[in-house]
């Protein structure tokens, strides 16, 4: 009986870790969300996709190093956001900034 309780407790704990982990979206998944929310043109979509792919590669490089300095990650995210904003029109920029603010307001589950 004790073994069953321990096993159930361990299972619950592991499931809770999986449930709270925030997924990392691929550049294509992020592009799809942006296209839907911002109504990107085909040209904008191509430009944003290039930006997202480059950013993803840069983030992968940062993750692969032993240096886990959050400021480097933040700087890369800020750079990506600025590059995306250059591609957008004024209405889209406004909506994009709103999206980023909503994202920042969400609690970080895996910290």
PDB file of N, CA and C in Angstrom:
ATOM      1  N   UNK A   1       0.824  -1.191   0.000  1.00  0.00           N
ATOM      2  CA  UNK A   1       0.000   0.000   0.000  1.00  0.00           C
ATOM      3  C   UNK A   1       0.874   1.263   0.000  1.00  0.00           C
ATOM      4  N   UNK A   2       1.947   1.233   0.817  1.00  0.00           N
ATOM      5  CA  UNK A   2       2.850   2.387   0.848  1.00  0.00           C
ATOM      6  C   UNK A   2       3.497   2.600  -0.516  1.00  0.00           C
ATOM      7  N   UNK A   3       3.862   1.496  -1.154  1.00  0.00           N
ATOM      8  CA  UNK A   3       4.471   1.612  -2.484  1.00  0.00           C
ATOM      9  C   UNK A   3       3.510   2.254  -3.477  1.00  0.00           C
ATOM     10  N   UNK A   4       2.248   1.898  -3.384  1.00  0.00           N
ATOM     11  CA  UNK A   4       1.241   2.469  -4.270  1.00  0.00           C
ATOM     12  C   UNK A   4       1.103   3.973  -4.035  1.00  0.00           C
ATOM     13  N   UNK A   5       1.087   4.376  -2.784  1.00  0.00           N
ATOM     14  CA  UNK A   5       0.973   5.799  -2.447  1.00  0.00           C
ATOM     15  C   UNK A   5       2.198   6.562  -2.949  1.00  0.00           C
ATOM     16  N   UNK A   6       3.374   5.997  -2.752  1.00  0.00           N
ATOM     17  CA  UNK A   6       4.602   6.638  -3.224  1.00  0.00           C
ATOM     18  C   UNK A   6       4.579   6.746  -4.749  1.00  0.00           C
ATOM     19  N   UNK A   7       4.175   5.681  -5.409  1.00  0.00           N
ATOM     20  CA  UNK A   7       4.117   5.677  -6.864  1.00  0.00           C
ATOM     21  C   UNK A   7       3.118   6.709  -7.383  1.00  0.00           C
ATOM     22  N   UNK A   8       1.954   6.779  -6.770  1.00  0.00           N
ATOM     23  CA  UNK A   8       0.951   7.763  -7.172  1.00  0.00           C
ATOM     24  C   UNK A   8       1.434   9.188  -6.920  1.00  0.00           C
ATOM     25  N   UNK A   9       2.091   9.394  -5.792  1.00  0.00           N
ATOM     26  CA  UNK A   9       2.619  10.723  -5.478  1.00  0.00           C
ATOM     27  C   UNK A   9       3.676  11.142  -6.494  1.00  0.00           C
ATOM     28  N   UNK A  10       4.561  10.231  -6.810  1.00  0.00           N
ATOM     29  CA  UNK A  10       5.609  10.513  -7.790  1.00  0.00           C
ATOM     30  C   UNK A  10       4.996  10.795  -9.163  1.00  0.00           C
ATOM     31  N   UNK A  11       4.022  10.007  -9.545  1.00  0.00           N
ATOM     32  CA  UNK A  11       3.348  10.216 -10.831  1.00  0.00           C
ATOM     33  C   UNK A  11       2.683  11.585 -10.880  1.00  0.00           C
ATOM     34  N   UNK A  12       1.997  11.949  -9.814  1.00  0.00           N
ATOM     35  CA  UNK A  12       1.336  13.251  -9.755  1.00  0.00           C
ATOM     36  C   UNK A  12       2.355  14.381  -9.869  1.00  0.00           C
ATOM     37  N   UNK A  13       3.474  14.237  -9.159  1.00  0.00           N
ATOM     38  CA  UNK A  13       4.521  15.252  -9.197  1.00  0.00           C
ATOM     39  C   UNK A  13       5.076  15.417 -10.613  1.00  0.00           C
ATOM     40  N   UNK A  14       5.366  14.307 -11.270  1.00  0.00           N
ATOM     41  CA  UNK A  14       5.920  14.371 -12.619  1.00  0.00           C
ATOM     42  C   UNK A  14       4.919  14.961 -13.610  1.00  0.00           C
ATOM     43  N   UNK A  15       3.664  14.599 -13.466  1.00  0.00           N
ATOM     44  CA  UNK A  15       2.636  15.158 -14.343  1.00  0.00           C
ATOM     45  C   UNK A  15       2.483  16.660 -14.127  1.00  0.00           C
ATOM     46  N   UNK A  16       2.607  17.090 -12.889  1.00  0.00           N
ATOM     47  CA  UNK A  16       2.479  18.526 -12.621  1.00  0.00           C
ATOM     48  C   UNK A  16       3.639  19.300 -13.244  1.00  0.00           C
ATOM     49  N   UNK A  17       4.822  18.714 -13.270  1.00  0.00           N
ATOM     50  CA  UNK A  17       5.963  19.375 -13.917  1.00  0.00           C
ATOM     51  C   UNK A  17       5.721  19.539 -15.410  1.00  0.00           C
ATOM     52  N   UNK A  18       5.187  18.516 -16.023  1.00  0.00           N
ATOM     53  CA  UNK A  18       4.898  18.578 -17.451  1.00  0.00           C
ATOM     54  C   UNK A  18       3.813  19.617 -17.723  1.00  0.00           C
ATOM     55  N   UNK A  19       2.817  19.665 -16.860  1.00  0.00           N
ATOM     56  CA  UNK A  19       1.687  20.572 -17.070  1.00  0.00           C
ATOM     57  C   UNK A  19       2.092  22.036 -16.984  1.00  0.00           C
ATOM     58  N   UNK A  20       3.061  22.371 -16.127  1.00  0.00           N
ATOM     59  CA  UNK A  20       3.416  23.778 -15.957  1.00  0.00           C
ATOM     60  C   UNK A  20       4.557  24.230 -16.857  1.00  0.00           C
ATOM     61  N   UNK A  21       5.204  23.301 -17.528  1.00  0.00           N
ATOM     62  CA  UNK A  21       6.303  23.684 -18.414  1.00  0.00           C
ATOM     63  C   UNK A  21       5.756  24.495 -19.578  1.00  0.00           C
ATOM     64  N   UNK A  22       6.417  25.598 -19.870  1.00  0.00           N
ATOM     65  CA  UNK A  22       5.978  26.430 -20.982  1.00  0.00           C
ATOM     66  C   UNK A  22       6.619  25.910 -22.262  1.00  0.00           C
ATOM     67  N   UNK A  23       5.809  25.683 -23.266  1.00  0.00           N
ATOM     68  CA  UNK A  23       6.366  25.154 -24.504  1.00  0.00           C
ATOM     69  C   UNK A  23       7.161  26.210 -25.249  1.00  0.00           C
ATOM     70  N   UNK A  24       8.157  25.760 -25.977  1.00  0.00           N
ATOM     71  CA  UNK A  24       8.884  26.649 -26.875  1.00  0.00           C
ATOM     72  C   UNK A  24       8.276  26.448 -28.247  1.00  0.00           C
ATOM     73  N   UNK A  25       7.833  27.518 -28.819  1.00  0.00           N
ATOM     74  CA  UNK A  25       7.220  27.435 -30.132  1.00  0.00           C
ATOM     75  C   UNK A  25       8.291  27.504 -31.204  1.00  0.00           C
ATOM     76  N   UNK A  26       8.077  26.775 -32.277  1.00  0.00           N
ATOM     77  CA  UNK A  26       8.987  26.849 -33.416  1.00  0.00           C
ATOM     78  C   UNK A  26       8.770  28.187 -34.121  1.00  0.00           C
ATOM     79  N   UNK A  27       9.729  28.606 -34.939  1.00  0.00           N
ATOM     80  CA  UNK A  27       9.523  29.844 -35.696  1.00  0.00           C
ATOM     81  C   UNK A  27       8.250  29.786 -36.554  1.00  0.00           C
ATOM     82  N   UNK A  28       7.942  28.621 -37.095  1.00  0.00           N
ATOM     83  CA  UNK A  28       6.752  28.483 -37.931  1.00  0.00           C
ATOM     84  C   UNK A  28       5.471  28.619 -37.103  1.00  0.00           C
ATOM     85  N   UNK A  29       5.478  28.081 -35.895  1.00  0.00           N
ATOM     86  CA  UNK A  29       4.307  28.226 -35.019  1.00  0.00           C
ATOM     87  C   UNK A  29       4.124  29.682 -34.600  1.00  0.00           C
ATOM     88  N   UNK A  30       5.223  30.331 -34.292  1.00  0.00           N
ATOM     89  CA  UNK A  30       5.151  31.748 -33.915  1.00  0.00           C
ATOM     90  C   UNK A  30       4.665  32.592 -35.093  1.00  0.00           C
ATOM     91  N   UNK A  31       5.166  32.275 -36.281  1.00  0.00           N
ATOM     92  CA  UNK A  31       4.737  32.996 -37.479  1.00  0.00           C
ATOM     93  C   UNK A  31       3.237  32.824 -37.700  1.00  0.00           C
ATOM     94  N   UNK A  32       2.755  31.623 -37.530  1.00  0.00           N
ATOM     95  CA  UNK A  32       1.321  31.369 -37.718  1.00  0.00           C
ATOM     96  C   UNK A  32       0.492  32.228 -36.759  1.00  0.00           C
ATOM     97  N   UNK A  33       0.912  32.301 -35.501  1.00  0.00           N
ATOM     98  CA  UNK A  33       0.188  33.121 -34.525  1.00  0.00           C
ATOM     99  C   UNK A  33       0.216  34.599 -34.921  1.00  0.00           C
ATOM    100  N   UNK A  34       1.387  35.057 -35.361  1.00  0.00           N
ATOM    101  CA  UNK A  34       1.514  36.464 -35.752  1.00  0.00           C
ATOM    102  C   UNK A  34       0.694  36.769 -37.004  1.00  0.00           C
ATOM    103  N   UNK A  35       0.705  35.846 -37.962  1.00  0.00           N
ATOM    104  CA  UNK A  35      -0.082  36.053 -39.181  1.00  0.00           C
ATOM    105  C   UNK A  35      -1.561  36.201 -38.854  1.00  0.00           C
ATOM    106  N   UNK A  36      -2.031  35.359 -37.952  1.00  0.00           N
ATOM    107  CA  UNK A  36      -3.446  35.388 -37.593  1.00  0.00           C
ATOM    108  C   UNK A  36      -3.807  36.651 -36.817  1.00  0.00           C
ATOM    109  N   UNK A  37      -2.972  37.012 -35.878  1.00  0.00           N
ATOM    110  CA  UNK A  37      -3.305  38.138 -35.001  1.00  0.00           C
ATOM    111  C   UNK A  37      -3.047  39.494 -35.659  1.00  0.00           C
ATOM    112  N   UNK A  38      -2.028  39.551 -36.516  1.00  0.00           N
ATOM    113  CA  UNK A  38      -1.633  40.835 -37.105  1.00  0.00           C
ATOM    114  C   UNK A  38      -2.057  40.990 -38.564  1.00  0.00           C
ATOM    115  N   UNK A  39      -2.628  39.948 -39.135  1.00  0.00           N
ATOM    116  CA  UNK A  39      -3.022  39.987 -40.553  1.00  0.00           C
ATOM    117  C   UNK A  39      -1.849  40.385 -41.446  1.00  0.00           C
ATOM    118  N   UNK A  40      -0.762  39.654 -41.329  1.00  0.00           N
ATOM    119  CA  UNK A  40       0.438  39.960 -42.101  1.00  0.00           C
ATOM    120  C   UNK A  40       0.210  39.705 -43.584  1.00  0.00           C
ATOM    121  N   UNK A  41       0.823  40.544 -44.405  1.00  0.00           N
ATOM    122  CA  UNK A  41       0.817  40.309 -45.848  1.00  0.00           C
ATOM    123  C   UNK A  41       1.807  39.182 -46.140  1.00  0.00           C
ATOM    124  N   UNK A  42       1.802  38.711 -47.370  1.00  0.00           N
ATOM    125  CA  UNK A  42       2.724  37.641 -47.757  1.00  0.00           C
ATOM    126  C   UNK A  42       4.179  38.104 -47.614  1.00  0.00           C
ATOM    127  N   UNK A  43       4.452  39.320 -48.039  1.00  0.00           N
ATOM    128  CA  UNK A  43       5.815  39.862 -47.932  1.00  0.00           C
ATOM    129  C   UNK A  43       6.231  40.012 -46.468  1.00  0.00           C
ATOM    130  N   UNK A  44       5.335  40.533 -45.647  1.00  0.00           N
ATOM    131  CA  UNK A  44       5.626  40.664 -44.217  1.00  0.00           C
ATOM    132  C   UNK A  44       5.881  39.287 -43.606  1.00  0.00           C
ATOM    133  N   UNK A  45       5.085  38.312 -43.991  1.00  0.00           N
ATOM    134  CA  UNK A  45       5.237  36.956 -43.457  1.00  0.00           C
ATOM    135  C   UNK A  45       6.616  36.395 -43.773  1.00  0.00           C
ATOM    136  N   UNK A  46       7.066  36.601 -45.006  1.00  0.00           N
ATOM    137  CA  UNK A  46       8.391  36.111 -45.398  1.00  0.00           C
ATOM    138  C   UNK A  46       9.485  36.788 -44.575  1.00  0.00           C
ATOM    139  N   UNK A  47       9.372  38.098 -44.406  1.00  0.00           N
ATOM    140  CA  UNK A  47      10.375  38.837 -43.631  1.00  0.00           C
ATOM    141  C   UNK A  47      10.365  38.422 -42.163  1.00  0.00           C
ATOM    142  N   UNK A  48       9.185  38.298 -41.589  1.00  0.00           N
ATOM    143  CA  UNK A  48       9.077  37.904 -40.181  1.00  0.00           C
ATOM    144  C   UNK A  48       9.601  36.484 -39.996  1.00  0.00           C
ATOM    145  N   UNK A  49       9.316  35.611 -40.947  1.00  0.00           N
ATOM    146  CA  UNK A  49       9.810  34.235 -40.845  1.00  0.00           C
ATOM    147  C   UNK A  49      11.338  34.208 -40.803  1.00  0.00           C
ATOM    148  N   UNK A  50      11.988  34.991 -41.660  1.00  0.00           N
ATOM    149  CA  UNK A  50      13.454  35.065 -41.660  1.00  0.00           C
ATOM    150  C   UNK A  50      13.966  35.553 -40.302  1.00  0.00           C
ATOM    151  N   UNK A  51      13.313  36.565 -39.767  1.00  0.00           N
ATOM    152  CA  UNK A  51      13.707  37.117 -38.464  1.00  0.00           C
ATOM    153  C   UNK A  51      13.560  36.060 -37.373  1.00  0.00           C
ATOM    154  N   UNK A  52      12.443  35.351 -37.383  1.00  0.00           N
ATOM    155  CA  UNK A  52      12.186  34.345 -36.348  1.00  0.00           C
ATOM    156  C   UNK A  52      13.148  33.167 -36.441  1.00  0.00           C
ATOM    157  N   UNK A  53      13.467  32.748 -37.651  1.00  0.00           N
ATOM    158  CA  UNK A  53      14.410  31.636 -37.824  1.00  0.00           C
ATOM    159  C   UNK A  53      15.790  32.045 -37.322  1.00  0.00           C
ATOM    160  N   UNK A  54      16.234  33.238 -37.700  1.00  0.00           N
ATOM    161  CA  UNK A  54      17.546  33.732 -37.237  1.00  0.00           C
ATOM    162  C   UNK A  54      17.565  33.858 -35.719  1.00  0.00           C
ATOM    163  N   UNK A  55      16.497  34.382 -35.158  1.00  0.00           N
ATOM    164  CA  UNK A  55      16.411  34.535 -33.706  1.00  0.00           C
ATOM    165  C   UNK A  55      16.450  33.182 -33.013  1.00  0.00           C
ATOM    166  N   UNK A  56      15.740  32.214 -33.573  1.00  0.00           N
ATOM    167  CA  UNK A  56      15.720  30.873 -32.988  1.00  0.00           C
ATOM    168  C   UNK A  56      17.119  30.262 -33.001  1.00  0.00           C
ATOM    169  N   UNK A  57      17.838  30.443 -34.088  1.00  0.00           N
ATOM    170  CA  UNK A  57      19.214  29.935 -34.174  1.00  0.00           C
ATOM    171  C   UNK A  57      20.099  30.602 -33.126  1.00  0.00           C
ATOM    172  N   UNK A  58      19.958  31.913 -32.984  1.00  0.00           N
ATOM    173  CA  UNK A  58      20.759  32.647 -32.001  1.00  0.00           C
ATOM    174  C   UNK A  58      20.423  32.202 -30.575  1.00  0.00           C
ATOM    175  N   UNK A  59      19.141  31.981 -30.311  1.00  0.00           N
ATOM    176  CA  UNK A  59      18.733  31.530 -28.971  1.00  0.00           C
ATOM    177  C   UNK A  59      19.265  30.120 -28.694  1.00  0.00           C
ATOM    178  N   UNK A  60      19.266  29.270 -29.708  1.00  0.00           N
ATOM    179  CA  UNK A  60      19.811  27.915 -29.546  1.00  0.00           C
ATOM    180  C   UNK A  60      21.291  27.986 -29.164  1.00  0.00           C
ATOM    181  N   UNK A  61      22.020  28.893 -29.805  1.00  0.00           N
ATOM    182  CA  UNK A  61      23.439  29.061 -29.484  1.00  0.00           C
ATOM    183  C   UNK A  61      23.606  29.509 -28.033  1.00  0.00           C
ATOM    184  N   UNK A  62      22.770  30.445 -27.601  1.00  0.00           N
ATOM    185  CA  UNK A  62      22.851  30.911 -26.213  1.00  0.00           C
ATOM    186  C   UNK A  62      22.533  29.785 -25.234  1.00  0.00           C
ATOM    187  N   UNK A  63      21.529  28.968 -25.560  1.00  0.00           N
ATOM    188  CA  UNK A  63      21.151  27.864 -24.669  1.00  0.00           C
ATOM    189  C   UNK A  63      22.241  26.800 -24.592  1.00  0.00           C
ATOM    190  N   UNK A  64      23.015  26.648 -25.668  1.00  0.00           N
ATOM    191  CA  UNK A  64      24.024  25.595 -25.701  1.00  0.00           C
ATOM    192  C   UNK A  64      25.289  25.964 -24.927  1.00  0.00           C
ATOM    193  N   UNK A  65      25.435  27.220 -24.571  1.00  0.00           N
ATOM    194  CA  UNK A  65      26.605  27.632 -23.799  1.00  0.00           C
ATOM    195  C   UNK A  65      26.344  27.429 -22.311  1.00  0.00           C
ATOM    196  N   UNK A  66      27.406  27.377 -21.554  1.00  0.00           N
ATOM    197  CA  UNK A  66      27.274  27.240 -20.102  1.00  0.00           C
ATOM    198  C   UNK A  66      26.830  28.545 -19.460  1.00  0.00           C
ATOM    199  N   UNK A  67      27.041  29.640 -20.146  1.00  0.00           N
ATOM    200  CA  UNK A  67      26.672  30.949 -19.619  1.00  0.00           C
ATOM    201  C   UNK A  67      25.166  31.145 -19.759  1.00  0.00           C
ATOM    202  N   UNK A  68      24.458  31.126 -18.661  1.00  0.00           N
ATOM    203  CA  UNK A  68      22.994  31.275 -18.673  1.00  0.00           C
ATOM    204  C   UNK A  68      22.594  32.684 -18.233  1.00  0.00           C
ATOM    205  N   UNK A  69      23.296  33.656 -18.731  1.00  0.00           N
ATOM    206  CA  UNK A  69      23.034  35.047 -18.384  1.00  0.00           C
ATOM    207  C   UNK A  69      21.721  35.495 -19.014  1.00  0.00           C
ATOM    208  N   UNK A  70      20.742  35.775 -18.166  1.00  0.00           N
ATOM    209  CA  UNK A  70      19.412  36.162 -18.654  1.00  0.00           C
ATOM    210  C   UNK A  70      19.445  37.438 -19.486  1.00  0.00           C
ATOM    211  N   UNK A  71      20.393  38.309 -19.209  1.00  0.00           N
ATOM    212  CA  UNK A  71      20.446  39.570 -19.955  1.00  0.00           C
ATOM    213  C   UNK A  71      20.733  39.321 -21.438  1.00  0.00           C
ATOM    214  N   UNK A  72      21.497  38.281 -21.744  1.00  0.00           N
ATOM    215  CA  UNK A  72      21.765  37.952 -23.143  1.00  0.00           C
ATOM    216  C   UNK A  72      20.492  37.467 -23.840  1.00  0.00           C
ATOM    217  N   UNK A  73      19.706  36.665 -23.136  1.00  0.00           N
ATOM    218  CA  UNK A  73      18.441  36.194 -23.696  1.00  0.00           C
ATOM    219  C   UNK A  73      17.485  37.367 -23.907  1.00  0.00           C
ATOM    220  N   UNK A  74      17.423  38.240 -22.919  1.00  0.00           N
ATOM    221  CA  UNK A  74      16.545  39.411 -23.007  1.00  0.00           C
ATOM    222  C   UNK A  74      16.980  40.306 -24.164  1.00  0.00           C
ATOM    223  N   UNK A  75      18.278  40.508 -24.319  1.00  0.00           N
ATOM    224  CA  UNK A  75      18.788  41.345 -25.408  1.00  0.00           C
ATOM    225  C   UNK A  75      18.421  40.742 -26.766  1.00  0.00           C
ATOM    226  N   UNK A  76      18.528  39.423 -26.880  1.00  0.00           N
ATOM    227  CA  UNK A  76      18.168  38.762 -28.139  1.00  0.00           C
ATOM    228  C   UNK A  76      16.674  38.907 -28.421  1.00  0.00           C
ATOM    229  N   UNK A  77      15.852  38.755 -27.407  1.00  0.00           N
ATOM    230  CA  UNK A  77      14.403  38.905 -27.587  1.00  0.00           C
ATOM    231  C   UNK A  77      14.054  40.340 -27.974  1.00  0.00           C
ATOM    232  N   UNK A  78      14.701  41.303 -27.330  1.00  0.00           N
ATOM    233  CA  UNK A  78      14.450  42.712 -27.659  1.00  0.00           C
ATOM    234  C   UNK A  78      14.849  43.019 -29.101  1.00  0.00           C
ATOM    235  N   UNK A  79      15.991  42.474 -29.512  1.00  0.00           N
ATOM    236  CA  UNK A  79      16.464  42.668 -30.889  1.00  0.00           C
ATOM    237  C   UNK A  79      15.450  42.090 -31.880  1.00  0.00           C
ATOM    238  N   UNK A  80      14.969  40.900 -31.594  1.00  0.00           N
ATOM    239  CA  UNK A  80      13.978  40.258 -32.465  1.00  0.00           C
ATOM    240  C   UNK A  80      12.708  41.091 -32.545  1.00  0.00           C
ATOM    241  N   UNK A  81      12.234  41.558 -31.399  1.00  0.00           N
ATOM    242  CA  UNK A  81      11.018  42.379 -31.380  1.00  0.00           C
ATOM    243  C   UNK A  81      11.193  43.652 -32.200  1.00  0.00           C
ATOM    244  N   UNK A  82      12.351  44.289 -32.080  1.00  0.00           N
ATOM    245  CA  UNK A  82      12.617  45.520 -32.836  1.00  0.00           C
ATOM    246  C   UNK A  82      12.645  45.244 -34.344  1.00  0.00           C
ATOM    247  N   UNK A  83      13.254  44.122 -34.724  1.00  0.00           N
ATOM    248  CA  UNK A  83      13.318  43.772 -36.143  1.00  0.00           C
ATOM    249  C   UNK A  83      11.924  43.478 -36.695  1.00  0.00           C
ATOM    250  N   UNK A  84      11.112  42.791 -35.913  1.00  0.00           N
ATOM    251  CA  UNK A  84       9.742  42.498 -36.353  1.00  0.00           C
ATOM    252  C   UNK A  84       8.949  43.791 -36.488  1.00  0.00           C
ATOM    253  N   UNK A  85       9.104  44.687 -35.531  1.00  0.00           N
ATOM    254  CA  UNK A  85       8.368  45.956 -35.580  1.00  0.00           C
ATOM    255  C   UNK A  85       8.702  46.766 -36.833  1.00  0.00           C
ATOM    256  N   UNK A  86       9.926  46.664 -37.334  1.00  0.00           N
ATOM    257  CA  UNK A  86      10.323  47.387 -38.546  1.00  0.00           C
ATOM    258  C   UNK A  86       9.530  46.929 -39.769  1.00  0.00           C
ATOM    259  N   UNK A  87       9.054  45.699 -39.742  1.00  0.00           N
ATOM    260  CA  UNK A  87       8.322  45.116 -40.864  1.00  0.00           C
ATOM    261  C   UNK A  87       6.837  45.493 -40.826  1.00  0.00           C
ATOM    262  N   UNK A  88       6.348  45.886 -39.666  1.00  0.00           N
ATOM    263  CA  UNK A  88       4.914  46.104 -39.463  1.00  0.00           C
ATOM    264  C   UNK A  88       4.487  47.532 -39.769  1.00  0.00           C
ATOM    265  N   UNK A  89       3.210  47.695 -40.115  1.00  0.00           N
ATOM    266  CA  UNK A  89       2.657  49.043 -40.239  1.00  0.00           C
ATOM    267  C   UNK A  89       2.240  49.524 -38.843  1.00  0.00           C
ATOM    268  N   UNK A  90       1.776  50.756 -38.742  1.00  0.00           N
ATOM    269  CA  UNK A  90       1.490  51.352 -37.425  1.00  0.00           C
ATOM    270  C   UNK A  90       0.426  50.577 -36.643  1.00  0.00           C
ATOM    271  N   UNK A  91      -0.633  50.173 -37.318  1.00  0.00           N
ATOM    272  CA  UNK A  91      -1.700  49.425 -36.651  1.00  0.00           C
ATOM    273  C   UNK A  91      -1.179  48.081 -36.137  1.00  0.00           C
ATOM    274  N   UNK A  92      -0.384  47.410 -36.953  1.00  0.00           N
ATOM    275  CA  UNK A  92       0.188  46.124 -36.564  1.00  0.00           C
ATOM    276  C   UNK A  92       1.180  46.289 -35.413  1.00  0.00           C
ATOM    277  N   UNK A  93       1.975  47.360 -35.454  1.00  0.00           N
ATOM    278  CA  UNK A  93       2.920  47.619 -34.362  1.00  0.00           C
ATOM    279  C   UNK A  93       2.180  47.774 -33.045  1.00  0.00           C
ATOM    280  N   UNK A  94       1.098  48.502 -33.087  1.00  0.00           N
ATOM    281  CA  UNK A  94       0.301  48.716 -31.880  1.00  0.00           C
ATOM    282  C   UNK A  94      -0.219  47.387 -31.330  1.00  0.00           C
ATOM    283  N   UNK A  95      -0.731  46.551 -32.213  1.00  0.00           N
ATOM    284  CA  UNK A  95      -1.251  45.240 -31.796  1.00  0.00           C
ATOM    285  C   UNK A  95      -0.114  44.341 -31.308  1.00  0.00           C
ATOM    286  N   UNK A  96       1.030  44.408 -31.975  1.00  0.00           N
ATOM    287  CA  UNK A  96       2.186  43.599 -31.580  1.00  0.00           C
ATOM    288  C   UNK A  96       2.667  43.996 -30.186  1.00  0.00           C
ATOM    289  N   UNK A  97       2.740  45.292 -29.935  1.00  0.00           N
ATOM    290  CA  UNK A  97       3.151  45.760 -28.606  1.00  0.00           C
ATOM    291  C   UNK A  97       2.158  45.293 -27.544  1.00  0.00           C
ATOM    292  N   UNK A  98       0.895  45.304 -27.892  1.00  0.00           N
ATOM    293  CA  UNK A  98      -0.139  44.811 -26.983  1.00  0.00           C
ATOM    294  C   UNK A  98       0.074  43.320 -26.701  1.00  0.00           C
ATOM    295  N   UNK A  99       0.395  42.567 -27.737  1.00  0.00           N
ATOM    296  CA  UNK A  99       0.665  41.134 -27.569  1.00  0.00           C
ATOM    297  C   UNK A  99       1.853  40.908 -26.638  1.00  0.00           C
ATOM    298  N   UNK A 100       2.904  41.686 -26.836  1.00  0.00           N
ATOM    299  CA  UNK A 100       4.099  41.529 -26.010  1.00  0.00           C
ATOM    300  C   UNK A 100       3.805  41.889 -24.553  1.00  0.00           C
ATOM    301  N   UNK A 101       3.001  42.904 -24.353  1.00  0.00           N
ATOM    302  CA  UNK A 101       2.630  43.295 -22.989  1.00  0.00           C
ATOM    303  C   UNK A 101       1.803  42.197 -22.325  1.00  0.00           C
ATOM    304  N   UNK A 102       0.880  41.611 -23.059  1.00  0.00           N
ATOM    305  CA  UNK A 102       0.080  40.502 -22.524  1.00  0.00           C
ATOM    306  C   UNK A 102       0.982  39.337 -22.143  1.00  0.00           C
ATOM    307  N   UNK A 103       1.968  39.093 -22.972  1.00  0.00           N
ATOM    308  CA  UNK A 103       2.903  37.992 -22.712  1.00  0.00           C
ATOM    309  C   UNK A 103       3.709  38.252 -21.437  1.00  0.00           C
ATOM    310  N   UNK A 104       4.117  39.486 -21.256  1.00  0.00           N
ATOM    311  CA  UNK A 104       4.899  39.834 -20.059  1.00  0.00           C
ATOM    312  C   UNK A 104       4.059  39.766 -18.793  1.00  0.00           C
ATOM    313  N   UNK A 105       2.757  39.987 -18.937  1.00  0.00           N
ATOM    314  CA  UNK A 105       1.860  39.970 -17.777  1.00  0.00           C
ATOM    315  C   UNK A 105       1.587  38.555 -17.275  1.00  0.00           C
ATOM    316  N   UNK A 106       1.748  37.566 -18.143  1.00  0.00           N
ATOM    317  CA  UNK A 106       1.495  36.185 -17.727  1.00  0.00           C
ATOM    318  C   UNK A 106       2.572  35.741 -16.750  1.00  0.00           C
ATOM    319  N   UNK A 107       2.179  35.015 -15.728  1.00  0.00           N
ATOM    320  CA  UNK A 107       3.173  34.532 -14.765  1.00  0.00           C
ATOM    321  C   UNK A 107       4.094  33.500 -15.402  1.00  0.00           C
ATOM    322  N   UNK A 108       5.340  33.573 -15.023  1.00  0.00           N
ATOM    323  CA  UNK A 108       6.319  32.603 -15.505  1.00  0.00           C
ATOM    324  C   UNK A 108       6.217  31.359 -14.645  1.00  0.00           C
ATOM    325  N   UNK A 109       5.862  30.250 -15.251  1.00  0.00           N
ATOM    326  CA  UNK A 109       5.632  29.019 -14.507  1.00  0.00           C
ATOM    327  C   UNK A 109       6.909  28.237 -14.220  1.00  0.00           C
ATOM    328  N   UNK A 110       7.916  28.385 -15.059  1.00  0.00           N
ATOM    329  CA  UNK A 110       9.091  27.524 -14.908  1.00  0.00           C
ATOM    330  C   UNK A 110      10.302  28.244 -14.346  1.00  0.00           C
ATOM    331  N   UNK A 111      10.090  29.307 -13.597  1.00  0.00           N
ATOM    332  CA  UNK A 111      11.219  30.007 -12.965  1.00  0.00           C
ATOM    333  C   UNK A 111      11.478  29.458 -11.600  1.00  0.00           C
TER     334      UNK A 111
END
